[in-house]
Protein backbone atom coordinates (compact mmCIF):
# COMPACT_ATOMS: atom_id res chain seq x y z
CA MET A 1 -95.30 -24.34 -18.54
CA SER A 2 -95.63 -22.88 -14.70
CA PHE A 3 -98.81 -21.66 -13.28
CA CYS A 4 -97.33 -18.53 -11.84
CA PRO A 5 -100.06 -15.99 -10.59
CA SER A 6 -100.21 -12.59 -12.46
CA PRO A 7 -100.45 -9.12 -10.65
CA SER A 8 -103.48 -8.62 -8.63
CA GLY A 9 -106.19 -6.33 -9.44
CA PRO A 10 -108.87 -6.46 -12.25
CA LEU A 11 -106.15 -6.46 -15.00
CA GLY A 12 -104.33 -9.42 -13.10
CA GLY A 13 -107.69 -11.37 -12.57
CA THR A 14 -108.45 -11.02 -16.46
CA SER A 15 -104.89 -12.29 -17.58
CA ILE A 16 -104.91 -15.20 -15.24
CA HIS A 17 -108.47 -16.21 -16.86
CA GLU A 18 -107.12 -15.71 -20.20
CA GLN A 19 -104.21 -17.65 -19.40
CA ARG A 20 -106.44 -20.63 -18.03
CA GLU A 21 -108.50 -20.42 -21.30
CA ARG A 22 -105.20 -20.90 -23.37
CA TRP A 23 -104.08 -23.83 -21.39
CA GLU A 24 -107.46 -25.23 -21.46
CA ARG A 25 -107.33 -24.90 -25.31
CA LYS A 26 -104.09 -26.43 -25.82
CA ARG A 27 -104.77 -29.22 -23.62
CA SER A 28 -108.06 -29.88 -25.75
CA ARG A 29 -106.39 -29.89 -28.88
CA THR A 30 -103.53 -32.39 -27.61
CA ALA A 31 -106.21 -34.73 -26.07
CA ARG A 32 -108.03 -34.40 -29.44
CA GLU A 33 -105.07 -35.51 -31.50
CA LEU A 34 -104.05 -37.97 -28.85
CA VAL A 35 -107.43 -39.78 -29.20
CA GLN A 36 -107.56 -39.76 -33.08
CA THR A 37 -103.74 -41.10 -33.34
CA GLU A 38 -104.49 -43.71 -30.93
CA GLN A 39 -107.63 -44.92 -32.85
CA ARG A 40 -105.55 -45.07 -36.13
CA TYR A 41 -102.79 -46.81 -34.25
CA CYS A 42 -104.90 -49.70 -32.79
CA GLN A 43 -106.42 -50.08 -36.31
CA GLN A 44 -103.06 -50.78 -37.79
CA LEU A 45 -102.06 -52.95 -34.88
CA GLU A 46 -105.22 -54.92 -35.50
CA LEU A 47 -104.09 -55.42 -39.19
CA VAL A 48 -100.88 -57.13 -38.13
CA THR A 49 -102.48 -59.19 -35.41
CA THR A 50 -105.48 -60.13 -37.61
CA TYR A 51 -104.14 -60.79 -41.03
CA PHE A 52 -100.51 -62.01 -39.97
CA VAL A 53 -100.27 -63.29 -36.72
CA GLU A 54 -103.56 -65.07 -36.46
CA ILE A 55 -103.74 -66.50 -39.94
CA LEU A 56 -100.10 -67.49 -40.14
CA LYS A 57 -100.58 -69.45 -36.87
CA ALA A 58 -103.63 -71.25 -38.32
CA LYS A 59 -102.04 -72.00 -41.57
CA GLY A 60 -98.54 -73.03 -40.13
CA THR A 61 -96.79 -71.06 -43.00
CA LEU A 62 -93.86 -70.21 -40.47
CA ARG A 63 -92.79 -72.11 -37.50
CA GLN A 64 -93.60 -70.73 -33.99
CA ASP A 65 -90.07 -69.68 -33.08
CA ILE A 66 -89.78 -67.66 -36.35
CA ARG A 67 -93.27 -66.17 -35.75
CA GLU A 68 -92.23 -65.12 -32.33
CA SER A 69 -88.98 -63.62 -33.85
CA ILE A 70 -90.83 -61.67 -36.34
CA PHE A 71 -93.90 -60.23 -34.39
CA SER A 72 -92.55 -60.56 -30.75
CA SER A 73 -94.88 -59.08 -28.28
CA ILE A 74 -97.07 -56.94 -30.64
CA LYS A 75 -100.26 -58.95 -29.89
CA ALA A 76 -99.90 -57.80 -26.07
CA ILE A 77 -99.13 -54.64 -27.27
CA HIS A 78 -102.65 -54.53 -29.44
CA SER A 79 -104.34 -55.81 -26.22
CA VAL A 80 -103.24 -53.19 -23.63
CA ASN A 81 -103.68 -50.40 -26.14
CA GLN A 82 -107.10 -51.20 -26.93
CA SER A 83 -107.87 -51.05 -23.09
CA LEU A 84 -105.91 -47.55 -23.29
CA LEU A 85 -108.10 -46.28 -26.09
CA VAL A 86 -111.26 -46.91 -24.17
CA HIS A 87 -110.13 -44.82 -21.42
CA LEU A 88 -109.06 -41.96 -23.77
CA GLU A 89 -112.17 -42.00 -25.64
CA ASN A 90 -114.23 -41.52 -22.25
CA GLY A 91 -111.88 -38.36 -21.22
CA TYR A 92 -109.94 -40.35 -18.62
CA PHE A 93 -106.49 -39.76 -19.64
CA GLY A 94 -104.75 -39.83 -16.30
CA ARG A 95 -106.39 -42.93 -15.18
CA GLY A 96 -106.03 -44.48 -18.70
CA PHE A 97 -102.10 -44.00 -18.68
CA ASP A 98 -101.75 -44.89 -15.36
CA GLN A 99 -103.01 -48.41 -16.01
CA PHE A 100 -101.22 -48.32 -19.10
CA CYS A 101 -97.72 -47.80 -17.98
CA PRO A 102 -97.48 -51.19 -15.87
CA HIS A 103 -97.70 -52.83 -19.15
CA LEU A 104 -94.77 -51.06 -20.74
CA HIS A 105 -92.59 -54.10 -20.36
CA HIS A 106 -94.18 -55.42 -23.61
CA TYR A 107 -92.94 -52.57 -25.45
CA ASN A 108 -89.48 -53.17 -23.88
CA THR A 109 -89.56 -56.68 -25.11
CA TYR A 110 -90.36 -55.49 -28.52
CA MET A 111 -87.87 -52.58 -28.72
CA ASP A 112 -84.98 -55.21 -27.62
CA ASN A 113 -86.06 -57.46 -30.62
CA ILE A 114 -86.88 -54.99 -33.39
CA TYR A 115 -83.73 -55.27 -35.10
CA ASN A 116 -83.67 -59.09 -34.92
CA ALA A 117 -87.21 -59.13 -36.25
CA SER A 118 -86.24 -57.16 -39.24
CA LYS A 119 -83.17 -59.70 -39.85
CA VAL A 120 -85.41 -62.62 -39.60
CA LEU A 121 -88.28 -61.05 -41.85
CA GLY A 122 -85.64 -60.37 -44.47
CA ILE A 123 -84.32 -63.95 -44.35
CA GLN A 124 -87.93 -65.60 -44.83
CA LEU A 125 -88.75 -63.46 -47.52
CA LYS A 126 -85.57 -64.62 -49.58
CA LYS A 127 -86.24 -68.16 -48.54
CA ASN A 128 -89.80 -68.95 -48.01
CA LYS A 129 -91.77 -68.72 -51.22
CA ALA A 130 -94.87 -69.30 -49.55
CA PHE A 131 -94.54 -66.82 -47.05
CA ARG A 132 -93.49 -64.32 -49.52
CA ARG A 133 -96.51 -65.11 -51.58
CA PHE A 134 -98.70 -64.87 -48.25
CA LYS A 135 -97.32 -61.37 -47.40
CA ASN A 136 -97.93 -59.85 -50.94
CA LEU A 137 -101.54 -61.21 -50.87
CA GLN A 138 -102.29 -59.54 -47.45
CA GLU A 139 -100.74 -56.17 -48.00
CA ALA A 140 -102.66 -56.14 -51.32
CA ARG A 141 -106.05 -55.68 -49.23
CA PRO A 142 -107.56 -52.63 -49.20
CA GLU A 143 -107.50 -52.44 -45.22
CA PHE A 144 -103.69 -52.06 -45.70
CA ASN A 145 -103.92 -49.09 -47.66
CA ASN A 146 -100.70 -49.57 -49.55
CA HIS A 147 -98.72 -50.29 -46.18
CA LYS A 148 -96.14 -52.87 -46.16
CA LEU A 149 -95.56 -55.10 -43.26
CA GLU A 150 -92.04 -53.56 -42.71
CA ASP A 151 -93.54 -50.22 -41.90
CA LEU A 152 -96.48 -51.66 -39.76
CA LEU A 153 -93.83 -53.50 -37.58
CA GLN A 154 -92.11 -50.08 -36.68
CA LEU A 155 -95.27 -48.30 -35.37
CA PRO A 156 -94.78 -49.33 -31.73
CA VAL A 157 -91.28 -47.79 -31.78
CA GLN A 158 -92.66 -44.60 -33.44
CA ARG A 159 -95.73 -44.47 -31.08
CA ILE A 160 -93.56 -44.61 -27.76
CA ASP A 161 -91.94 -41.18 -29.30
CA GLN A 162 -95.46 -39.68 -29.83
CA TYR A 163 -96.80 -40.62 -26.35
CA LYS A 164 -93.39 -38.74 -25.03
CA HIS A 165 -94.42 -35.50 -26.77
CA PHE A 166 -98.23 -35.75 -26.07
CA LEU A 167 -97.81 -36.26 -22.47
CA GLN A 168 -95.42 -33.57 -22.31
CA ASP A 169 -98.13 -31.19 -23.66
CA LEU A 170 -100.62 -32.59 -21.57
CA THR A 171 -98.66 -32.06 -18.31
CA ALA A 172 -97.68 -28.44 -19.57
CA ASN A 173 -101.33 -27.51 -20.05
CA THR A 174 -102.86 -29.29 -16.98
CA SER A 175 -102.90 -27.35 -13.61
CA PRO A 176 -101.15 -28.93 -10.60
CA ASP A 177 -104.43 -28.97 -8.74
CA ASN A 178 -106.04 -31.12 -11.38
CA PRO A 179 -106.40 -34.71 -10.26
CA GLU A 180 -104.95 -35.90 -13.23
CA PHE A 181 -101.78 -33.91 -13.12
CA GLN A 182 -99.97 -36.55 -10.96
CA GLN A 183 -100.79 -39.55 -13.12
CA ILE A 184 -99.92 -37.80 -16.28
CA SER A 185 -96.61 -36.82 -14.60
CA ARG A 186 -95.83 -40.34 -13.94
CA ALA A 187 -96.69 -41.25 -17.28
CA VAL A 188 -94.42 -39.04 -18.74
CA THR A 189 -91.43 -40.58 -16.51
CA ALA A 190 -92.43 -44.16 -17.49
CA VAL A 191 -92.72 -43.42 -21.18
CA CYS A 192 -89.26 -41.22 -21.08
CA GLU A 193 -87.50 -44.32 -20.04
CA VAL A 194 -88.95 -46.70 -22.84
CA SER A 195 -87.92 -43.87 -25.10
CA GLN A 196 -84.39 -43.84 -23.66
CA ARG A 197 -84.15 -47.60 -24.15
CA ILE A 198 -84.97 -47.06 -27.89
CA GLN A 199 -82.29 -44.75 -28.33
CA ASN A 200 -79.83 -46.86 -26.49
CA ASN A 201 -80.83 -49.97 -28.83
CA THR A 202 -80.50 -47.66 -31.92
CA GLN A 203 -76.85 -46.61 -30.68
CA ARG A 204 -75.95 -50.05 -30.04
CA HIS A 205 -77.07 -51.20 -33.36
CA GLU A 206 -75.61 -48.41 -35.44
CA ASN A 207 -72.26 -49.19 -33.65
CA HIS A 208 -72.44 -52.81 -34.39
CA LEU A 209 -73.00 -51.97 -38.07
CA GLN A 210 -70.07 -49.70 -38.03
CA LEU A 211 -67.49 -52.43 -36.41
CA CYS A 212 -68.94 -55.11 -38.83
CA ARG A 213 -68.09 -52.30 -42.00
CA VAL A 214 -64.62 -51.77 -40.38
CA GLN A 215 -64.26 -55.50 -40.02
CA LYS A 216 -64.99 -56.33 -43.75
CA LEU A 217 -62.81 -53.60 -44.83
CA LEU A 218 -59.64 -55.41 -43.33
CA LYS A 219 -58.23 -58.37 -45.07
CA GLY A 220 -57.84 -61.72 -43.33
CA ARG A 221 -58.91 -62.52 -39.97
CA LYS A 222 -55.96 -61.52 -37.74
CA THR A 223 -57.14 -58.20 -36.83
CA LYS A 224 -60.55 -58.64 -34.54
CA VAL A 225 -62.52 -55.38 -34.63
CA LEU A 226 -65.74 -56.97 -33.29
CA ALA A 227 -65.51 -57.06 -29.36
CA ALA A 228 -67.71 -56.67 -26.56
CA GLY A 229 -67.90 -53.09 -25.16
CA ARG A 230 -66.06 -51.63 -27.93
CA TRP A 231 -67.41 -48.50 -29.69
CA TYR A 232 -66.39 -46.98 -32.99
CA ILE A 233 -65.48 -43.49 -32.99
CA ARG A 234 -63.86 -42.21 -36.35
CA GLU A 235 -61.64 -43.12 -39.05
CA GLY A 236 -59.36 -41.14 -41.59
CA TRP A 237 -56.09 -40.68 -43.14
CA LEU A 238 -53.01 -39.39 -41.29
CA LYS A 239 -49.46 -38.80 -42.13
CA MET A 240 -47.02 -40.97 -39.99
CA VAL A 241 -43.88 -39.27 -39.35
CA PRO A 242 -40.99 -41.58 -39.15
CA PRO A 243 -38.40 -41.27 -36.17
CA LYS A 244 -35.36 -41.18 -38.61
CA GLY A 245 -36.38 -38.25 -40.65
CA ALA A 246 -37.80 -40.01 -43.71
CA ASP A 247 -40.76 -39.16 -45.89
CA ALA A 248 -44.21 -39.08 -43.90
CA LYS A 249 -46.18 -41.96 -45.24
CA PRO A 250 -50.10 -41.80 -45.38
CA LYS A 251 -51.65 -44.40 -43.19
CA MET A 252 -55.44 -45.06 -42.42
CA PHE A 253 -56.23 -45.09 -38.72
CA PHE A 254 -59.47 -46.32 -36.95
CA LEU A 255 -60.23 -44.79 -33.63
CA PHE A 256 -62.29 -46.95 -31.26
CA SER A 257 -63.12 -46.43 -27.69
CA ASP A 258 -60.49 -48.69 -26.59
CA MET A 259 -57.70 -48.83 -29.48
CA LEU A 260 -56.18 -47.14 -32.11
CA LEU A 261 -55.77 -49.16 -35.39
CA GLN A 262 -53.37 -48.44 -37.93
CA ALA A 263 -53.76 -49.83 -41.36
CA LYS A 264 -52.42 -49.56 -45.04
CA ARG A 265 -54.23 -50.12 -48.15
CA CYS A 266 -53.78 -53.22 -49.88
CA SER A 267 -52.39 -53.27 -53.62
CA PRO A 268 -55.17 -52.13 -56.05
CA LEU A 269 -53.91 -55.05 -58.22
CA HIS A 270 -55.02 -57.76 -55.70
CA PRO A 271 -57.86 -59.72 -57.11
CA THR A 272 -59.95 -59.97 -54.30
CA ASN A 273 -58.43 -57.40 -51.54
CA GLY A 274 -57.88 -54.37 -53.88
CA ASP A 275 -60.29 -52.34 -51.85
CA LYS A 276 -59.39 -53.46 -48.59
CA PHE A 277 -56.78 -52.44 -45.95
CA ALA A 278 -54.30 -54.59 -44.15
CA GLY A 279 -54.19 -54.14 -40.42
CA GLN A 280 -50.78 -53.27 -39.11
CA HIS A 281 -50.48 -52.18 -35.68
CA ALA A 282 -53.34 -52.01 -32.70
CA TYR A 283 -52.35 -49.25 -30.20
CA PRO A 284 -54.44 -49.72 -26.63
CA LEU A 285 -55.49 -46.37 -25.38
CA GLN A 286 -55.23 -47.02 -21.83
CA ASP A 287 -51.75 -45.88 -21.07
CA CYS A 288 -51.84 -43.36 -24.14
CA THR A 289 -50.90 -39.67 -23.87
CA VAL A 290 -51.96 -36.95 -26.44
CA GLU A 291 -50.38 -33.83 -27.11
CA LYS A 292 -50.33 -31.35 -29.87
CA VAL A 293 -46.69 -30.68 -30.97
CA PHE A 294 -47.96 -27.79 -33.25
CA GLY A 295 -51.08 -26.86 -34.49
CA HIS A 296 -52.51 -24.50 -31.76
CA THR A 297 -52.97 -21.57 -34.25
CA ARG A 298 -54.88 -21.13 -37.14
CA SER A 299 -52.29 -22.15 -39.59
CA GLN A 300 -52.61 -24.90 -42.10
CA GLY A 301 -52.38 -28.54 -40.39
CA GLY A 302 -50.13 -29.69 -37.25
CA LEU A 303 -48.90 -32.37 -35.74
CA LEU A 304 -49.88 -34.91 -32.98
CA SER A 305 -47.93 -36.83 -30.42
CA LEU A 306 -49.17 -39.98 -29.19
CA THR A 307 -47.22 -41.65 -26.38
CA PHE A 308 -47.78 -45.32 -25.56
CA PRO A 309 -45.71 -47.53 -23.02
CA ARG A 310 -43.90 -49.38 -25.88
CA ALA A 311 -44.28 -46.97 -28.87
CA LYS A 312 -44.60 -43.42 -29.92
CA LEU A 313 -46.42 -42.01 -32.92
CA LEU A 314 -45.92 -38.66 -34.57
CA LEU A 315 -49.35 -37.97 -37.03
CA MET A 316 -49.56 -35.29 -39.10
CA SER A 317 -52.50 -33.61 -40.89
CA GLY A 318 -52.80 -30.75 -43.37
CA ASN A 319 -56.14 -29.88 -42.60
CA GLN A 320 -56.56 -28.03 -39.27
CA GLU A 321 -60.17 -28.81 -38.64
CA ASP A 322 -59.56 -32.40 -39.11
CA LEU A 323 -56.39 -32.36 -36.93
CA ASN A 324 -58.51 -30.68 -34.01
CA ASP A 325 -61.20 -33.27 -34.48
CA TRP A 326 -58.60 -36.07 -34.09
CA TYR A 327 -57.09 -34.46 -31.18
CA GLN A 328 -60.53 -34.13 -29.43
CA SER A 329 -61.58 -37.60 -30.16
CA LEU A 330 -58.45 -39.07 -29.11
CA SER A 331 -58.25 -37.06 -25.82
CA SER A 332 -61.84 -37.96 -25.03
CA ALA A 333 -61.43 -41.69 -25.72
CA VAL A 334 -58.30 -41.83 -23.48
CA ARG A 335 -60.03 -39.92 -20.50
CA LYS A 336 -63.01 -41.99 -20.77
CA LEU A 337 -61.17 -45.21 -20.58
CA GLN A 338 -58.84 -44.25 -17.93
CA SER A 339 -61.69 -42.98 -15.72
CA ARG A 340 -63.61 -46.27 -15.92
CA THR A 341 -60.27 -48.13 -15.20
CA VAL A 342 -60.09 -46.13 -11.88
CA VAL A 343 -63.55 -46.80 -10.96
CA HIS A 344 -62.99 -50.56 -11.79
CA GLN A 345 -59.74 -50.57 -9.45
CA ARG A 346 -61.66 -48.93 -6.73
CA ASP A 347 -64.31 -51.30 -6.85
CA GLU A 348 -61.81 -54.39 -6.62
CA LEU A 349 -60.30 -52.83 -3.69
CA CYS A 350 -63.93 -52.51 -1.95
CA ARG A 351 -64.81 -56.02 -2.59
CA ARG A 352 -61.53 -57.39 -1.11
CA PRO A 353 -62.37 -59.10 2.18
CA LEU A 354 -60.81 -57.47 5.38
CA HIS A 355 -59.20 -59.44 8.24
CA SER A 356 -61.41 -59.83 11.24
CA ALA A 357 -60.19 -59.38 14.79
CA ALA A 358 -60.90 -62.94 15.52
CA ASP A 359 -58.38 -63.83 12.70
CA SER A 360 -55.85 -61.67 14.53
CA HIS A 361 -56.42 -63.45 17.63
CA ASN A 362 -55.73 -66.85 15.90
CA THR A 363 -52.32 -65.85 14.66
CA PRO A 364 -49.39 -67.50 16.28
CA SER A 365 -47.59 -65.84 19.38
CA SER A 366 -44.49 -66.03 17.24
CA SER A 367 -45.43 -63.53 14.88
CA SER A 368 -46.35 -61.10 17.67
CA SER A 369 -43.10 -61.62 19.40
CA GLU A 370 -41.00 -60.71 16.29
CA PRO A 371 -42.76 -57.70 14.66
CA SER A 372 -39.27 -56.25 13.73
CA ARG A 373 -38.54 -59.28 11.58
CA LYS A 374 -41.81 -59.32 10.06
CA ARG A 375 -41.38 -55.70 8.97
CA ASN A 376 -37.94 -56.30 7.61
CA MET A 377 -39.46 -59.09 5.49
CA VAL A 378 -42.11 -56.98 4.11
CA SER A 379 -39.98 -53.88 3.48
CA SER A 380 -37.50 -56.13 1.53
CA ALA A 381 -39.97 -57.67 -0.64
CA THR A 382 -41.49 -54.68 -1.41
CA SER A 383 -38.30 -53.04 -2.40
CA GLU A 384 -37.31 -56.39 -4.21
CA HIS A 385 -40.71 -56.25 -6.07
CA ALA A 386 -40.22 -52.50 -6.92
CA GLN A 387 -36.64 -52.89 -8.63
CA ARG A 388 -37.93 -55.83 -10.73
CA PRO A 389 -38.08 -54.74 -14.34
CA SER A 390 -41.36 -53.41 -15.60
CA VAL A 391 -41.48 -55.66 -18.61
CA GLU A 392 -41.31 -58.78 -16.28
CA TRP A 393 -43.76 -57.43 -13.99
CA GLU A 394 -46.24 -56.76 -16.98
CA GLY A 395 -45.84 -60.17 -18.00
CA SER A 396 -46.82 -61.98 -14.72
CA ALA A 397 -49.71 -59.57 -14.03
CA PRO A 398 -53.25 -60.79 -14.74
CA LYS A 399 -54.56 -60.38 -18.16
CA ARG A 400 -57.63 -58.25 -16.93
CA MET A 401 -55.46 -55.82 -15.51
CA LYS A 402 -52.89 -55.36 -18.32
CA GLN A 403 -54.39 -51.83 -18.85
CA SER A 404 -52.65 -50.61 -15.61
CA ASP A 405 -49.19 -51.03 -17.14
CA ALA A 406 -46.74 -48.28 -16.62
CA PRO A 407 -43.89 -46.89 -18.65
CA GLU A 408 -40.38 -47.84 -17.62
CA HIS A 409 -39.68 -44.32 -16.71
CA SER A 410 -42.25 -44.26 -13.81
CA SER A 411 -41.14 -43.91 -10.14
CA ALA A 412 -40.88 -46.55 -7.94
CA GLU A 413 -43.54 -45.40 -5.74
CA THR A 414 -45.91 -45.68 -8.59
CA SER A 415 -44.96 -49.37 -9.15
CA THR A 416 -45.16 -50.13 -5.63
CA SER A 417 -48.54 -48.88 -5.45
CA SER A 418 -49.66 -50.44 -8.54
CA CYS A 419 -48.57 -53.89 -6.92
CA VAL A 420 -50.55 -53.22 -3.87
CA ILE A 421 -53.63 -52.69 -6.14
CA LEU A 422 -52.81 -55.74 -7.86
C-alpha cells in the first residue's frame, strides 16, 4: 500500500488523516496478532525442548545422532524466538526482527532436515518400544493439549509462512518515514528467502516420491528412473502408430525432464508383476523434435510426431485436451533441456584456456615459415572429420556431451562446428 498524498485543501487533509488512522488500526491489529501467536509458538517449542529433547538426553532413550536427526536445531530456534518475543512484547518490532534475521540459518538447517526427521521418527516408533512408550506418556500430559509430536515438529515450517504474511502487512501499513520501516522491509526479504527454500525443498521431496513411485511400477531393475537432476512431469496412455500400417497399440508413457519412457503392462496373470509395467524404450529428449500432425482444431483427438536421432514415434490420443497437454509438456521439456545444454556448452568454451602471446613467441620458426602447409593440414583434417559418418563420431564423443548428437541428415557445417565445440 503506497502513501500517496491526497488532493490539497480541507477535504484532502481530512482524507489523509483518516487514511493514516486506518493504517494505524491495521498495523496495531497485525502487531497484536503477531505477539499473541508468537507467545503460543514459543510455548509449544518449549514443550518439545523440555519434555522431549532434554529428557531424552538425560534418559539416554535415543542415541545422540538419532536425537539430532529428529529434533535438529529446534533448541536453537526456541532460544532465538524467546529473544524475539521479548522485543515484540515491548513493541520493538523493527529492532526485534533486525536481530532475529541473522539467526535464520537455524531455520534453514531445520527445513533441510525436516523430511529426514519424519522418516527417522517413524522408524524409531516402529522399532524402539521404549521410545514409543515415552512418546505416548509425554503427549498425554495436559500441557500438550492433545498435540502430537509429529504436529509440533512442523511448527517452525508453518511459522516462517506466518512471519512472511505478518511482516508484509506491517510493511504495508507502516509509513516510510517510520524508523522501523527499513528494518521490517529487510526482515521481509530475509524471511521470504527462507520461505522460498521451504518451497524448493517441498518440490524436490515430492519429485523424489514420484520417481520412487514410478520405479516401483516398473518390474526388474533394468530401467533406472531415479537419477540426479531428473524431474517427473506426467504419465498416461497413448496409442503408438506403427510405421507399416498395423493397428495402433496402447502404451504407457512416463515423461521426465530428460527422457520419455515407453512401457507396456505386464500380464495380469503374473504372480508378482501383475500390476506393474515393463520398460521398453527410453528416448532422450535432447535432440527431440515435437510436432502436431493433426489435432490443431477442436476435433476429437489428434496425432503427435516425435523425431529422435535414431527413432521416430507417432502417438495418437482420442482426447483433444489430453493431446494438447502432452504436446505442451513435451515441447516445454525439450525447450528447457536444450536451453540448459546451450548454456553448458557456452560455459565450457569460456573456461577453455587461451594461448598467451608468450606461447606464440616460443613456437618454432619453421611453423611461421610454412603457413600454407599448416593451413592445408588443418583444412584437410577438418574436411576429413566432417566426412566421417555421424554414428562413428558419436561413439567417439565423451559421454557427457552425448546430448549434442545430431541426425545424419545434418549439414557438414553443423558437424564441423560441433567438432570445434567438443
